């Protein structure tokens, strides 16, 4: 693991469903083809490790999304994702944003920040 942050910016993507979310994070997060595309698989990937070399090689994963589609309103899927926290630590998110942390300071957030892809 290195002392760096993986930022995945999905604000240019339309994220309406969990499948849209899995499609959007698969490549930048280095998820294998056999990735389970479900919340348990995501939890294993970001907390247990050993599934994605890309995620494993970073200390922090931050995914930026707009508060619309899957992450807008009161979508159950977004709330389930937001409930996937173990550390309670979130990286500078605007109030009211759904958050999907996993492990120390790993998460998904919405709002404005610099960048348009992954780093």
C-alpha atoms as a PDB file:
ATOM      1  CA  UNK A   1       0.000   0.000   0.000  1.00  0.00           C
ATOM      2  CA  UNK A   2       1.197   3.497  -0.757  1.00  0.00           C
ATOM      3  CA  UNK A   3       0.489   6.776   0.951  1.00  0.00           C
ATOM      4  CA  UNK A   4      -1.787   8.160  -1.749  1.00  0.00           C
ATOM      5  CA  UNK A   5      -5.393   8.656  -2.724  1.00  0.00           C
ATOM      6  CA  UNK A   6      -7.298   7.105  -5.617  1.00  0.00           C
ATOM      7  CA  UNK A   7      -9.936   9.577  -6.815  1.00  0.00           C
ATOM      8  CA  UNK A   8     -12.677   8.337  -9.108  1.00  0.00           C
ATOM      9  CA  UNK A   9     -14.782  11.183 -10.465  1.00  0.00           C
ATOM     10  CA  UNK A  10     -18.151   9.933 -11.735  1.00  0.00           C
ATOM     11  CA  UNK A  11     -19.847  13.313 -11.966  1.00  0.00           C
ATOM     12  CA  UNK A  12     -19.822  13.163 -15.774  1.00  0.00           C
ATOM     13  CA  UNK A  13     -21.567   9.764 -15.687  1.00  0.00           C
ATOM     14  CA  UNK A  14     -25.264   9.084 -15.357  1.00  0.00           C
ATOM     15  CA  UNK A  15     -25.644   6.840 -12.308  1.00  0.00           C
ATOM     16  CA  UNK A  16     -29.276   5.739 -12.033  1.00  0.00           C
ATOM     17  CA  UNK A  17     -28.901   2.169 -10.729  1.00  0.00           C
ATOM     18  CA  UNK A  18     -26.452   0.006  -8.829  1.00  0.00           C
ATOM     19  CA  UNK A  19     -25.506  -1.598 -12.152  1.00  0.00           C
ATOM     20  CA  UNK A  20     -24.609   1.868 -13.456  1.00  0.00           C
ATOM     21  CA  UNK A  21     -22.455   2.380 -10.369  1.00  0.00           C
ATOM     22  CA  UNK A  22     -20.664  -0.976 -10.823  1.00  0.00           C
ATOM     23  CA  UNK A  23     -20.121  -0.208 -14.526  1.00  0.00           C
ATOM     24  CA  UNK A  24     -18.678   3.196 -13.655  1.00  0.00           C
ATOM     25  CA  UNK A  25     -16.268   2.084 -10.915  1.00  0.00           C
ATOM     26  CA  UNK A  26     -15.140  -1.203 -12.491  1.00  0.00           C
ATOM     27  CA  UNK A  27     -12.391   0.156 -14.732  1.00  0.00           C
ATOM     28  CA  UNK A  28     -10.932   2.975 -12.612  1.00  0.00           C
ATOM     29  CA  UNK A  29     -10.969   0.768  -9.505  1.00  0.00           C
ATOM     30  CA  UNK A  30      -9.474  -2.204 -11.341  1.00  0.00           C
ATOM     31  CA  UNK A  31     -12.313  -4.568 -10.478  1.00  0.00           C
ATOM     32  CA  UNK A  32     -11.863  -8.017 -12.032  1.00  0.00           C
ATOM     33  CA  UNK A  33     -14.448  -9.465 -14.448  1.00  0.00           C
ATOM     34  CA  UNK A  34     -15.524 -11.921 -11.757  1.00  0.00           C
ATOM     35  CA  UNK A  35     -16.318  -9.082  -9.292  1.00  0.00           C
ATOM     36  CA  UNK A  36     -19.687  -9.849  -7.669  1.00  0.00           C
ATOM     37  CA  UNK A  37     -21.330  -6.479  -8.458  1.00  0.00           C
ATOM     38  CA  UNK A  38     -23.107  -6.394  -5.110  1.00  0.00           C
ATOM     39  CA  UNK A  39     -22.661  -4.642  -1.781  1.00  0.00           C
ATOM     40  CA  UNK A  40     -20.941  -7.579  -0.089  1.00  0.00           C
ATOM     41  CA  UNK A  41     -18.409  -7.812  -2.933  1.00  0.00           C
ATOM     42  CA  UNK A  42     -17.774  -4.037  -2.705  1.00  0.00           C
ATOM     43  CA  UNK A  43     -17.281  -4.303   1.045  1.00  0.00           C
ATOM     44  CA  UNK A  44     -14.826  -7.167   0.589  1.00  0.00           C
ATOM     45  CA  UNK A  45     -12.962  -5.199  -2.070  1.00  0.00           C
ATOM     46  CA  UNK A  46     -12.473  -2.005  -0.067  1.00  0.00           C
ATOM     47  CA  UNK A  47     -12.227  -3.430   3.441  1.00  0.00           C
ATOM     48  CA  UNK A  48     -10.827  -6.949   3.219  1.00  0.00           C
ATOM     49  CA  UNK A  49      -8.687  -6.272   0.138  1.00  0.00           C
ATOM     50  CA  UNK A  50      -7.068  -8.813  -2.150  1.00  0.00           C
ATOM     51  CA  UNK A  51      -9.574  -8.315  -4.979  1.00  0.00           C
ATOM     52  CA  UNK A  52      -8.367  -5.135  -6.704  1.00  0.00           C
ATOM     53  CA  UNK A  53      -4.667  -4.350  -6.989  1.00  0.00           C
ATOM     54  CA  UNK A  54      -5.599  -0.768  -7.903  1.00  0.00           C
ATOM     55  CA  UNK A  55      -7.598  -0.180  -4.706  1.00  0.00           C
ATOM     56  CA  UNK A  56      -5.109  -2.152  -2.611  1.00  0.00           C
ATOM     57  CA  UNK A  57      -2.247   0.061  -3.787  1.00  0.00           C
ATOM     58  CA  UNK A  58      -3.875   3.212  -2.359  1.00  0.00           C
ATOM     59  CA  UNK A  59      -4.513   4.280   1.204  1.00  0.00           C
ATOM     60  CA  UNK A  60      -7.659   6.176   0.323  1.00  0.00           C
ATOM     61  CA  UNK A  61     -10.402   5.745  -2.254  1.00  0.00           C
ATOM     62  CA  UNK A  62     -12.717   8.664  -2.947  1.00  0.00           C
ATOM     63  CA  UNK A  63     -15.497   8.468  -5.510  1.00  0.00           C
ATOM     64  CA  UNK A  64     -17.222  11.724  -6.471  1.00  0.00           C
ATOM     65  CA  UNK A  65     -20.833  11.626  -7.694  1.00  0.00           C
ATOM     66  CA  UNK A  66     -23.527  14.242  -8.111  1.00  0.00           C
ATOM     67  CA  UNK A  67     -26.496  14.085  -5.762  1.00  0.00           C
ATOM     68  CA  UNK A  68     -28.895  12.890  -8.463  1.00  0.00           C
ATOM     69  CA  UNK A  69     -30.033   9.604  -9.946  1.00  0.00           C
ATOM     70  CA  UNK A  70     -29.036   6.778  -7.615  1.00  0.00           C
ATOM     71  CA  UNK A  71     -27.616   9.279  -5.118  1.00  0.00           C
ATOM     72  CA  UNK A  72     -30.478  11.792  -5.278  1.00  0.00           C
ATOM     73  CA  UNK A  73     -33.584  11.744  -3.144  1.00  0.00           C
ATOM     74  CA  UNK A  74     -34.303   8.762  -0.978  1.00  0.00           C
ATOM     75  CA  UNK A  75     -33.170   5.812  -3.102  1.00  0.00           C
ATOM     76  CA  UNK A  76     -32.864   2.701  -0.960  1.00  0.00           C
ATOM     77  CA  UNK A  77     -29.757   1.522  -2.835  1.00  0.00           C
ATOM     78  CA  UNK A  78     -27.915   4.753  -2.059  1.00  0.00           C
ATOM     79  CA  UNK A  79     -28.847   4.507   1.601  1.00  0.00           C
ATOM     80  CA  UNK A  80     -27.613   0.910   1.704  1.00  0.00           C
ATOM     81  CA  UNK A  81     -24.336   2.031   0.114  1.00  0.00           C
ATOM     82  CA  UNK A  82     -24.149   4.928   2.561  1.00  0.00           C
ATOM     83  CA  UNK A  83     -24.630   2.490   5.423  1.00  0.00           C
ATOM     84  CA  UNK A  84     -21.501   0.563   4.411  1.00  0.00           C
ATOM     85  CA  UNK A  85     -19.220   2.368   6.831  1.00  0.00           C
ATOM     86  CA  UNK A  86     -16.814   0.839   9.267  1.00  0.00           C
ATOM     87  CA  UNK A  87     -14.703   3.787  10.308  1.00  0.00           C
ATOM     88  CA  UNK A  88     -17.154   6.682  10.224  1.00  0.00           C
ATOM     89  CA  UNK A  89     -14.451   8.787   8.561  1.00  0.00           C
ATOM     90  CA  UNK A  90     -15.470  10.685   5.465  1.00  0.00           C
ATOM     91  CA  UNK A  91     -13.424  12.935   3.224  1.00  0.00           C
ATOM     92  CA  UNK A  92     -14.732  16.540   3.155  1.00  0.00           C
ATOM     93  CA  UNK A  93     -18.222  16.043   1.788  1.00  0.00           C
ATOM     94  CA  UNK A  94     -20.972  18.640   1.615  1.00  0.00           C
ATOM     95  CA  UNK A  95     -23.747  18.204   4.166  1.00  0.00           C
ATOM     96  CA  UNK A  96     -26.486  15.860   2.993  1.00  0.00           C
ATOM     97  CA  UNK A  97     -24.358  13.898   0.527  1.00  0.00           C
ATOM     98  CA  UNK A  98     -24.662  10.141   0.474  1.00  0.00           C
ATOM     99  CA  UNK A  99     -21.386   8.589   1.568  1.00  0.00           C
ATOM    100  CA  UNK A 100     -20.045   5.112   0.946  1.00  0.00           C
ATOM    101  CA  UNK A 101     -16.968   4.736   3.105  1.00  0.00           C
ATOM    102  CA  UNK A 102     -15.034   1.543   3.499  1.00  0.00           C
ATOM    103  CA  UNK A 103     -11.904   1.277   5.558  1.00  0.00           C
ATOM    104  CA  UNK A 104      -9.986   4.302   6.773  1.00  0.00           C
ATOM    105  CA  UNK A 105     -11.172   7.402   4.929  1.00  0.00           C
ATOM    106  CA  UNK A 106     -12.509   5.549   1.898  1.00  0.00           C
ATOM    107  CA  UNK A 107     -15.763   6.766   0.463  1.00  0.00           C
ATOM    108  CA  UNK A 108     -18.109   8.033  -2.171  1.00  0.00           C
ATOM    109  CA  UNK A 109     -19.264  11.615  -2.063  1.00  0.00           C
ATOM    110  CA  UNK A 110     -20.888  14.289  -4.108  1.00  0.00           C
ATOM    111  CA  UNK A 111     -20.301  17.951  -4.707  1.00  0.00           C
ATOM    112  CA  UNK A 112     -17.783  20.112  -6.470  1.00  0.00           C
ATOM    113  CA  UNK A 113     -14.097  19.440  -6.629  1.00  0.00           C
ATOM    114  CA  UNK A 114     -11.331  19.593  -9.181  1.00  0.00           C
ATOM    115  CA  UNK A 115     -10.707  16.820 -11.680  1.00  0.00           C
ATOM    116  CA  UNK A 116     -12.590  14.920 -14.296  1.00  0.00           C
ATOM    117  CA  UNK A 117     -11.331  11.361 -14.084  1.00  0.00           C
ATOM    118  CA  UNK A 118      -9.145   9.182 -11.977  1.00  0.00           C
ATOM    119  CA  UNK A 119      -5.804   9.960 -10.461  1.00  0.00           C
END
